[in-house]
Amino acid sequence: MMTPAPLAQPRSRTFREAQDNEAQNKTMDSHIDRKQIRWNPRPRTRAGLHLKTEKLPYQRPVIAQPQFTASAIMVAERMDLRALSGFEIIAKSPYMVKLGAGGIAALFRYGAVVLFNASEEEKARLLGTIAAHSSGAGDIAAEEVAMIHVGPDDEEGPAGQYIKIKNADRLRLQLIAEVMAKATMLSFQERRAARDFDRSEPLARDLAEDGRFSAKPSELLKAVGNMLLAENRLNGRAGVLDRPDLLWDNPGLSGLYARLEGDYELHDRAAALDRKLTTLSHTSETLVETMRYHSSHRLETAIFLLIFVELCLGLYGHFGH
């Protein structure tokens, strides 16, 4: 007897299963491909470089000229901003005031003043007002000067001797003032650190030659005080490495700030100054310890002499009679 042949599967069912398997394979392949091409970008070394300042909302310019001068000077060590009551305040943090015929000034509590498009008469009037409400000596020689060029189609940032911006509005001028004020403060501290190094060099030479100081103790203590004050001024007042507060509300300006910060080398200069101040701090500690050693040595000598005199008087009293 012949065995009946097995019945063939319906063609439609086999074709449908093949389509389902092919679709499943494609899904798995695409999932594997997505896993393979997943890319984690490397973080940027300087935040804000990818942000575009042109996306900021338009603001009315506070200076109409297409090109004007910006200068930053250190007028004092500490400034009372209540001196600004006689001027029209147009911004805070940092404070910005109008000077009269188109001039603008930004003032900082640690003694820096940044002037935009200011005439000599306006500058003299402002500095005269500040002098009555400030303390400590400034340094006019620690000055930063730049030329501001306004062009709507230019890329914002430093370009040679110019700082190019799209609009001379309040926010951009505040940001430029922040950077220039920090730069002139660093120049001020660098000049002071150089003077402190000049004072400490003769003291180190005295110790190296004969192991004692030629200066008076009061002069030594004054030198130590200047060294300690230099480090306190940098750490407590300016906040060189801090981001300006206006960037939190206006992140589109981060790119301009990063380029200005790099052009003025704020991080590198602050690090170099910090190393100098650390050296001065170690020098001041060495001076204090050396003075303490000499004082204790003199005290021991005085005690020894007193004991010797008392012993001589005792022997004289015992054998003299």
Protein backbone atom coordinates (compact mmCIF):
# COMPACT_ATOMS: atom_id res chain seq x y z
CA MET A 1 0.00 0.00 0.00
CA MET A 2 1.39 3.41 -0.89
CA THR A 3 1.88 6.01 1.94
CA PRO A 4 -0.02 9.22 1.25
CA ALA A 5 2.24 12.30 0.74
CA PRO A 6 2.14 14.95 3.47
CA LEU A 7 -0.10 17.84 2.83
CA ALA A 8 1.72 21.04 1.80
CA GLN A 9 1.47 24.09 4.07
CA PRO A 10 -0.68 26.88 2.80
CA ARG A 11 1.43 29.26 0.73
CA SER A 12 -0.06 32.38 2.28
CA ARG A 13 0.93 31.35 5.84
CA THR A 14 4.54 30.55 4.86
CA PHE A 15 4.92 33.87 3.03
CA ARG A 16 3.49 35.79 6.01
CA GLU A 17 5.94 34.12 8.43
CA ALA A 18 8.85 34.95 6.15
CA GLN A 19 7.81 38.59 6.06
CA ASP A 20 7.51 38.68 9.86
CA ASN A 21 10.97 37.14 10.30
CA GLU A 22 12.52 39.59 7.85
CA ALA A 23 10.92 42.55 9.62
CA GLN A 24 12.14 41.27 13.01
CA ASN A 25 15.67 40.86 11.66
CA LYS A 26 15.65 44.39 10.30
CA THR A 27 14.46 45.72 13.67
CA MET A 28 17.25 43.89 15.50
CA ASP A 29 19.86 45.09 12.98
CA SER A 30 18.73 48.70 13.28
CA HIS A 31 18.79 48.41 17.10
CA ILE A 32 22.35 47.06 16.97
CA ASP A 33 23.36 49.83 14.58
CA ARG A 34 21.93 52.46 16.92
CA LYS A 35 23.98 51.02 19.75
CA GLN A 36 27.11 51.05 17.63
CA ILE A 37 26.81 54.63 16.37
CA ARG A 38 25.92 56.16 19.72
CA TRP A 39 28.35 59.06 20.25
CA ASN A 40 29.19 60.92 23.40
CA PRO A 41 30.75 64.29 22.52
CA ARG A 42 33.78 65.40 24.46
CA PRO A 43 33.02 68.23 26.89
CA ARG A 44 34.25 71.64 25.82
CA THR A 45 37.22 73.04 27.65
CA ARG A 46 35.68 76.50 27.89
CA ALA A 47 31.99 76.84 28.48
CA GLY A 48 29.98 79.15 26.27
CA LEU A 49 32.01 79.03 23.07
CA HIS A 50 29.14 77.37 21.20
CA LEU A 51 26.57 79.96 22.25
CA LYS A 52 25.62 82.65 19.77
CA THR A 53 25.27 86.20 21.01
CA GLU A 54 23.09 87.21 18.08
CA LYS A 55 20.20 85.23 19.59
CA LEU A 56 19.87 87.79 22.37
CA PRO A 57 16.84 90.06 22.25
CA TYR A 58 17.56 93.49 20.83
CA GLN A 59 18.26 96.24 23.34
CA ARG A 60 18.61 99.95 22.79
CA PRO A 61 22.28 101.01 22.58
CA VAL A 62 23.51 103.33 25.33
CA ILE A 63 26.31 104.70 23.12
CA ALA A 64 25.43 105.71 19.57
CA GLN A 65 28.94 106.01 18.12
CA PRO A 66 30.14 103.11 15.93
CA GLN A 67 33.59 103.30 17.54
CA PHE A 68 34.72 104.58 20.93
CA THR A 69 37.41 104.09 23.57
CA ALA A 70 37.21 101.98 26.74
CA SER A 71 39.74 102.39 29.57
CA ALA A 72 39.99 100.74 32.99
CA ILE A 73 41.97 102.20 35.92
CA MET A 74 42.47 101.43 39.62
CA VAL A 75 41.60 104.57 41.58
CA ALA A 76 41.58 103.12 45.12
CA GLU A 77 41.67 99.92 47.14
CA ARG A 78 38.08 100.26 48.30
CA MET A 79 35.23 102.36 46.96
CA ASP A 80 31.92 103.38 48.50
CA LEU A 81 29.30 103.27 45.75
CA ARG A 82 27.13 105.77 47.61
CA ALA A 83 29.27 108.37 45.85
CA LEU A 84 27.19 107.70 42.74
CA SER A 85 24.16 109.53 44.07
CA GLY A 86 24.95 112.55 41.92
CA PHE A 87 24.94 110.54 38.68
CA GLU A 88 22.18 108.82 36.73
CA ILE A 89 22.43 105.07 37.44
CA ILE A 90 21.53 102.95 34.40
CA ALA A 91 22.54 99.49 35.68
CA LYS A 92 23.63 97.57 38.76
CA SER A 93 25.97 94.60 39.25
CA PRO A 94 28.19 96.19 38.14
CA TYR A 95 27.09 99.77 38.67
CA MET A 96 26.95 101.87 35.51
CA VAL A 97 26.30 105.59 35.44
CA LYS A 98 25.93 108.26 32.78
CA LEU A 99 28.60 110.94 32.80
CA GLY A 100 26.89 113.56 30.70
CA ALA A 101 27.53 114.01 26.98
CA GLY A 102 27.54 110.37 25.92
CA GLY A 103 30.05 108.99 28.44
CA ILE A 104 29.41 105.86 30.51
CA ALA A 105 31.30 104.60 33.59
CA ALA A 106 31.21 101.25 35.39
CA LEU A 107 32.41 101.21 39.01
CA PHE A 108 33.46 98.30 41.23
CA ARG A 109 33.77 98.16 45.00
CA TYR A 110 37.38 96.92 44.86
CA GLY A 111 38.46 100.24 43.30
CA ALA A 112 38.29 99.69 39.54
CA VAL A 113 36.62 102.18 37.19
CA VAL A 114 35.91 101.45 33.51
CA LEU A 115 35.16 104.43 31.26
CA PHE A 116 33.39 104.24 27.89
CA ASN A 117 33.48 107.18 25.48
CA ALA A 118 34.33 109.57 28.34
CA SER A 119 35.91 112.98 27.85
CA GLU A 120 38.71 114.31 30.07
CA GLU A 121 36.29 116.68 31.84
CA GLU A 122 33.86 113.86 32.62
CA LYS A 123 36.71 111.65 33.85
CA ALA A 124 38.08 114.39 36.12
CA ARG A 125 34.64 115.08 37.60
CA LEU A 126 34.02 111.39 38.32
CA LEU A 127 37.45 110.80 39.89
CA GLY A 128 37.03 113.90 42.05
CA THR A 129 33.72 112.57 43.37
CA ILE A 130 35.16 109.10 44.03
CA ALA A 131 38.20 110.48 45.90
CA ALA A 132 35.99 111.67 48.77
CA HIS A 133 34.34 108.22 49.13
CA SER A 134 37.27 105.83 48.74
CA SER A 135 40.12 104.46 50.85
CA GLY A 136 43.58 103.22 50.02
CA ALA A 137 45.93 104.30 47.28
CA GLY A 138 45.23 103.23 43.72
CA ASP A 139 47.58 103.03 40.77
CA ILE A 140 46.75 105.04 37.66
CA ALA A 141 49.61 103.31 35.81
CA ALA A 142 47.75 99.98 36.08
CA GLU A 143 45.51 100.79 33.12
CA GLU A 144 43.86 98.74 30.39
CA VAL A 145 42.79 100.47 27.15
CA ALA A 146 40.77 99.06 24.25
CA MET A 147 38.91 100.37 21.22
CA ILE A 148 35.28 99.22 20.91
CA HIS A 149 33.98 98.69 17.37
CA VAL A 150 30.23 98.25 16.81
CA GLY A 151 29.18 96.28 13.73
CA PRO A 152 25.94 94.26 13.40
CA ASP A 153 27.58 91.79 10.99
CA ASP A 154 30.88 91.32 12.86
CA GLU A 155 31.78 88.31 14.96
CA GLU A 156 31.86 89.41 18.56
CA GLY A 157 35.11 89.27 20.46
CA PRO A 158 38.63 90.72 20.50
CA ALA A 159 40.28 91.31 17.10
CA GLY A 160 43.69 92.94 17.33
CA GLN A 161 43.40 96.28 19.09
CA TYR A 162 39.60 96.24 18.80
CA ILE A 163 36.80 94.59 20.71
CA LYS A 164 34.01 93.95 18.23
CA ILE A 165 30.38 93.83 19.35
CA LYS A 166 27.10 93.80 17.48
CA ASN A 167 25.41 96.42 19.63
CA ALA A 168 26.65 98.86 22.28
CA ASP A 169 23.84 97.97 24.67
CA ARG A 170 23.95 97.90 28.44
CA LEU A 171 24.58 94.15 28.83
CA ARG A 172 27.55 93.99 26.47
CA LEU A 173 29.18 97.05 28.02
CA GLN A 174 28.67 95.59 31.48
CA LEU A 175 30.36 92.37 30.39
CA ILE A 176 33.31 94.21 28.83
CA ALA A 177 33.61 96.29 32.00
CA GLU A 178 33.74 93.12 34.14
CA VAL A 179 36.64 91.69 32.12
CA MET A 180 38.61 94.94 31.85
CA ALA A 181 38.17 95.68 35.57
CA LYS A 182 39.51 92.24 36.49
CA ALA A 183 42.43 92.71 34.09
CA THR A 184 43.41 96.07 35.58
CA MET A 185 43.03 94.69 39.10
CA LEU A 186 45.46 91.90 38.16
CA SER A 187 47.89 94.51 36.78
CA PHE A 188 47.57 96.43 40.05
CA GLN A 189 48.29 93.32 42.14
CA GLU A 190 51.17 92.27 39.87
CA ARG A 191 52.87 95.64 40.34
CA ARG A 192 52.40 95.42 44.09
CA ALA A 193 53.71 91.86 44.21
CA ALA A 194 56.81 93.02 42.30
CA ARG A 195 57.39 95.76 44.89
CA ASP A 196 56.96 93.26 47.74
CA PHE A 197 59.49 90.96 46.08
CA ASP A 198 61.90 93.89 45.85
CA ARG A 199 61.47 94.47 49.59
CA SER A 200 61.97 90.82 50.50
CA GLU A 201 65.14 90.33 48.41
CA PRO A 202 67.46 92.40 50.69
CA LEU A 203 66.11 90.55 53.73
CA ALA A 204 66.88 87.19 52.14
CA ARG A 205 70.36 88.45 51.19
CA ASP A 206 71.01 89.47 54.82
CA LEU A 207 70.09 86.01 56.04
CA ALA A 208 72.26 84.37 53.40
CA GLU A 209 75.34 86.51 54.19
CA ASP A 210 75.53 86.75 57.98
CA GLY A 211 72.36 85.18 59.37
CA ARG A 212 70.86 88.39 60.73
CA PHE A 213 68.72 91.28 59.52
CA SER A 214 70.05 94.76 58.91
CA ALA A 215 66.53 96.24 59.03
CA LYS A 216 64.72 97.26 62.20
CA PRO A 217 62.04 94.95 63.68
CA SER A 218 59.33 97.51 62.85
CA GLU A 219 60.37 97.50 59.18
CA LEU A 220 60.34 93.71 59.14
CA LEU A 221 56.84 93.60 60.59
CA LYS A 222 55.67 96.18 58.03
CA ALA A 223 57.05 94.02 55.20
CA VAL A 224 55.28 90.96 56.61
CA GLY A 225 52.02 92.90 56.84
CA ASN A 226 52.26 94.02 53.21
CA MET A 227 52.81 90.44 52.07
CA LEU A 228 49.78 89.19 53.99
CA LEU A 229 47.59 92.05 52.74
CA ALA A 230 48.47 91.34 49.11
CA GLU A 231 47.05 87.81 49.29
CA ASN A 232 43.96 89.01 51.17
CA ARG A 233 43.20 91.69 48.54
CA LEU A 234 43.23 89.19 45.69
CA ASN A 235 41.19 86.47 47.40
CA GLY A 236 38.63 88.60 49.16
CA ARG A 237 37.65 91.45 46.86
CA ALA A 238 37.76 90.87 43.14
CA GLY A 239 36.75 87.26 42.52
CA VAL A 240 38.83 87.07 39.35
CA LEU A 241 37.80 83.51 38.49
CA ASP A 242 34.09 84.02 39.25
CA ARG A 243 31.64 84.27 36.38
CA PRO A 244 29.71 87.57 36.22
CA ASP A 245 26.21 87.47 37.64
CA LEU A 246 24.63 88.79 34.43
CA LEU A 247 25.61 85.58 32.58
CA TRP A 248 23.10 83.60 34.65
CA ASP A 249 20.23 85.62 33.19
CA ASN A 250 21.87 86.10 29.77
CA PRO A 251 23.67 82.87 28.81
CA GLY A 252 23.92 84.03 25.20
CA LEU A 253 26.77 86.32 26.27
CA SER A 254 28.89 83.40 27.50
CA GLY A 255 30.70 83.12 24.17
CA LEU A 256 31.74 86.78 24.20
CA TYR A 257 32.85 86.49 27.83
CA ALA A 258 34.93 83.36 27.12
CA ARG A 259 36.73 85.04 24.22
CA LEU A 260 37.44 88.20 26.24
CA GLU A 261 38.58 86.16 29.23
CA GLY A 262 40.98 84.21 27.01
CA ASP A 263 42.32 87.33 25.29
CA TYR A 264 43.11 89.06 28.61
CA GLU A 265 44.51 85.75 30.02
CA LEU A 266 42.66 86.15 33.31
CA HIS A 267 43.07 82.51 34.40
CA ASP A 268 46.79 82.33 33.55
CA ARG A 269 47.60 85.68 35.13
CA ALA A 270 45.61 84.84 38.27
CA ALA A 271 47.43 81.50 38.58
CA ALA A 272 50.85 83.17 38.16
CA LEU A 273 49.94 85.85 40.70
CA ASP A 274 48.72 83.21 43.11
CA ARG A 275 52.09 81.47 42.90
CA LYS A 276 53.87 84.76 43.62
CA LEU A 277 51.61 85.46 46.58
CA THR A 278 52.22 81.93 47.89
CA THR A 279 55.95 82.59 47.73
CA LEU A 280 55.47 85.88 49.57
CA SER A 281 53.37 84.10 52.19
CA HIS A 282 56.13 81.54 52.76
CA THR A 283 58.65 84.38 52.94
CA SER A 284 56.59 86.18 55.56
CA GLU A 285 56.33 82.97 57.62
CA THR A 286 60.10 82.55 57.40
CA LEU A 287 60.64 86.14 58.54
CA VAL A 288 58.31 85.72 61.49
CA GLU A 289 59.95 82.46 62.56
CA THR A 290 63.43 84.01 62.22
CA MET A 291 62.42 87.03 64.30
CA ARG A 292 60.92 84.72 66.91
CA TYR A 293 64.13 82.70 67.02
CA HIS A 294 66.28 85.81 67.50
CA SER A 295 63.92 87.10 70.21
CA SER A 296 64.01 83.81 72.08
CA HIS A 297 67.79 83.68 71.72
CA ARG A 298 68.15 87.15 73.22
CA LEU A 299 65.79 86.21 76.02
CA GLU A 300 67.81 83.10 76.83
CA THR A 301 71.00 85.19 76.88
CA ALA A 302 69.39 87.71 79.23
CA ILE A 303 68.21 84.92 81.57
CA PHE A 304 71.69 83.38 81.57
CA LEU A 305 73.26 86.73 82.47
CA LEU A 306 70.78 87.26 85.30
CA ILE A 307 71.53 83.83 86.71
CA PHE A 308 75.27 84.52 86.45
CA VAL A 309 74.95 87.89 88.21
CA GLU A 310 72.79 86.35 90.97
CA LEU A 311 75.37 83.59 91.43
CA CYS A 312 78.20 86.10 91.65
CA LEU A 313 76.29 88.18 94.20
CA GLY A 314 75.60 85.07 96.25
CA LEU A 315 79.25 84.02 96.24
CA TYR A 316 80.32 87.54 97.13
CA GLY A 317 77.88 87.63 100.02
CA HIS A 318 79.00 84.26 101.26
CA PHE A 319 82.75 84.74 101.03
CA GLY A 320 82.95 88.52 101.36
CA HIS A 321 82.26 88.52 105.09
